[in-house]
C-alpha atoms as a PDB file:
ATOM      1  CA  MET A   1       0.000   0.000   0.000  1.00  0.00           C
ATOM      2  CA  ASP A   2       1.426   3.371  -1.039  1.00  0.00           C
ATOM      3  CA  PRO A   3      -0.025   6.321   0.907  1.00  0.00           C
ATOM      4  CA  HIS A   4       1.699   8.903  -1.263  1.00  0.00           C
ATOM      5  CA  PRO A   5      -0.925   9.328  -4.036  1.00  0.00           C
ATOM      6  CA  THR A   6      -3.486  10.001  -1.332  1.00  0.00           C
ATOM      7  CA  ALA A   7      -1.424  12.902  -0.010  1.00  0.00           C
ATOM      8  CA  VAL A   8      -1.194  14.454  -3.492  1.00  0.00           C
ATOM      9  CA  PHE A   9      -4.789  14.129  -4.660  1.00  0.00           C
ATOM     10  CA  ARG A  10      -6.816  14.735  -1.482  1.00  0.00           C
ATOM     11  CA  ASP A  11      -7.474  17.903   0.499  1.00  0.00           C
ATOM     12  CA  ARG A  12      -7.816  15.930   3.708  1.00  0.00           C
ATOM     13  CA  LEU A  13      -7.287  12.357   4.775  1.00  0.00           C
ATOM     14  CA  GLY A  14      -9.323  10.396   7.305  1.00  0.00           C
ATOM     15  CA  LEU A  15      -7.458   7.685   9.178  1.00  0.00           C
ATOM     16  CA  LEU A  16      -9.702   4.837  10.275  1.00  0.00           C
ATOM     17  CA  SER A  17      -9.348   2.647  13.319  1.00  0.00           C
ATOM     18  CA  GLY A  18      -8.288  -0.950  12.803  1.00  0.00           C
ATOM     19  CA  SER A  19     -11.388  -2.338  14.521  1.00  0.00           C
ATOM     20  CA  ARG A  20     -14.592  -3.298  12.745  1.00  0.00           C
ATOM     21  CA  PRO A  21     -16.676  -1.397  12.217  1.00  0.00           C
ATOM     22  CA  GLY A  22     -13.970   1.215  11.596  1.00  0.00           C
ATOM     23  CA  ARG A  23     -14.309   4.712  12.909  1.00  0.00           C
ATOM     24  CA  ILE A  24     -12.512   7.892  11.957  1.00  0.00           C
ATOM     25  CA  GLU A  25      -9.676   8.397  14.439  1.00  0.00           C
ATOM     26  CA  ARG A  26      -8.030  11.389  12.836  1.00  0.00           C
ATOM     27  CA  VAL A  27      -8.555  13.786   9.955  1.00  0.00           C
ATOM     28  CA  MET A  28      -5.366  15.184   8.450  1.00  0.00           C
ATOM     29  CA  PRO A  29      -5.560  18.288   6.289  1.00  0.00           C
ATOM     30  CA  ILE A  30      -3.278  18.147   3.260  1.00  0.00           C
ATOM     31  CA  GLY A  31      -2.051  21.704   2.771  1.00  0.00           C
ATOM     32  CA  LEU A  32      -1.108  21.607  -0.889  1.00  0.00           C
ATOM     33  CA  PRO A  33      -2.344  24.421  -3.142  1.00  0.00           C
ATOM     34  CA  ARG A  34      -4.389  23.617  -6.242  1.00  0.00           C
ATOM     35  CA  PRO A  35      -4.031  22.859  -9.070  1.00  0.00           C
ATOM     36  CA  ARG A  36      -1.689  19.979  -8.249  1.00  0.00           C
ATOM     37  CA  GLY A  37       0.489  17.887 -10.468  1.00  0.00           C
ATOM     38  CA  LEU A  38       3.289  15.454  -9.885  1.00  0.00           C
ATOM     39  CA  GLU A  39       5.559  18.361  -8.911  1.00  0.00           C
ATOM     40  CA  ALA A  40       3.501  18.560  -5.692  1.00  0.00           C
ATOM     41  CA  ARG A  41       5.491  15.525  -4.486  1.00  0.00           C
ATOM     42  CA  ARG A  42       8.439  17.867  -3.938  1.00  0.00           C
ATOM     43  CA  ALA A  43       6.496  20.301  -1.714  1.00  0.00           C
ATOM     44  CA  ARG A  44       7.310  20.364   2.009  1.00  0.00           C
ATOM     45  CA  GLU A  45       3.588  19.864   2.829  1.00  0.00           C
ATOM     46  CA  PHE A  46       3.508  16.679   0.749  1.00  0.00           C
ATOM     47  CA  ILE A  47       6.692  15.314   2.298  1.00  0.00           C
ATOM     48  CA  ASP A  48       5.427  16.027   5.829  1.00  0.00           C
ATOM     49  CA  ALA A  49       2.040  14.400   5.149  1.00  0.00           C
ATOM     50  CA  ALA A  50       3.613  11.340   3.499  1.00  0.00           C
ATOM     51  CA  GLU A  51       6.029  10.871   6.422  1.00  0.00           C
ATOM     52  CA  THR A  52       3.196  11.159   8.956  1.00  0.00           C
ATOM     53  CA  ILE A  53       0.996   8.683   7.065  1.00  0.00           C
ATOM     54  CA  THR A  54       3.888   6.246   6.617  1.00  0.00           C
ATOM     55  CA  SER A  55       4.848   6.329  10.301  1.00  0.00           C
ATOM     56  CA  ILE A  56       1.222   5.740  11.365  1.00  0.00           C
ATOM     57  CA  PHE A  57       0.974   2.797   8.943  1.00  0.00           C
ATOM     58  CA  LEU A  58       4.268   1.351  10.231  1.00  0.00           C
ATOM     59  CA  GLU A  59       3.106   1.676  13.856  1.00  0.00           C
ATOM     60  CA  ARG A  60      -0.143  -0.139  13.030  1.00  0.00           C
ATOM     61  CA  GLY A  61       1.541  -2.884  11.009  1.00  0.00           C
ATOM     62  CA  VAL A  62      -0.153  -1.831   7.764  1.00  0.00           C
ATOM     63  CA  LEU A  63       3.298  -1.447   6.203  1.00  0.00           C
ATOM     64  CA  SER A  64       6.122  -3.840   6.993  1.00  0.00           C
ATOM     65  CA  GLY A  65       9.101  -1.523   6.508  1.00  0.00           C
ATOM     66  CA  LYS A  66      10.511  -4.069   4.056  1.00  0.00           C
ATOM     67  CA  ILE A  67      11.105  -3.361   0.369  1.00  0.00           C
ATOM     68  CA  GLY A  68       9.648  -6.567  -1.054  1.00  0.00           C
ATOM     69  CA  GLY A  69       7.381  -7.578   1.786  1.00  0.00           C
ATOM     70  CA  PRO A  70       7.939  -9.748   4.844  1.00  0.00           C
ATOM     71  CA  SER A  71      10.020 -12.410   3.100  1.00  0.00           C
ATOM     72  CA  ASP A  72      12.342 -10.018   1.267  1.00  0.00           C
ATOM     73  CA  GLY A  73      14.760  -9.479   4.159  1.00  0.00           C
ATOM     74  CA  ARG A  74      15.875  -6.016   3.051  1.00  0.00           C
ATOM     75  CA  THR A  75      15.054  -2.881   5.004  1.00  0.00           C
ATOM     76  CA  ALA A  76      13.211   0.048   3.448  1.00  0.00           C
ATOM     77  CA  THR A  77      16.395   2.153   3.658  1.00  0.00           C
ATOM     78  CA  PRO A  78      19.102   0.577   1.485  1.00  0.00           C
ATOM     79  CA  THR A  79      22.608   0.472   2.841  1.00  0.00           C
ATOM     80  CA  PRO A  80      25.333   2.184   0.773  1.00  0.00           C
ATOM     81  CA  GLY A  81      26.046   0.173  -2.344  1.00  0.00           C
ATOM     82  CA  GLU A  82      22.715  -1.705  -2.143  1.00  0.00           C
ATOM     83  CA  SER A  83      20.207  -1.115  -4.905  1.00  0.00           C
ATOM     84  CA  PRO A  84      16.696  -0.157  -3.775  1.00  0.00           C
END
């Protein structure tokens, strides 16, 4: 799951609880001006939102922090000389 497109194309993002039925736990405003294109991915607001979403997903176990999934064995941050 890649949270980044959500941060580019939405004005706000609702984060749901993991329980069923889900409930909205948090609403995050995405402070990017419109119109937006792919260049919005370089904006500080986008980077901040993407980092917040990613850390929440990692804390909840939605993302594994691995490049190729649980069986890959590589971390999301490559070591020098390692290809991503």
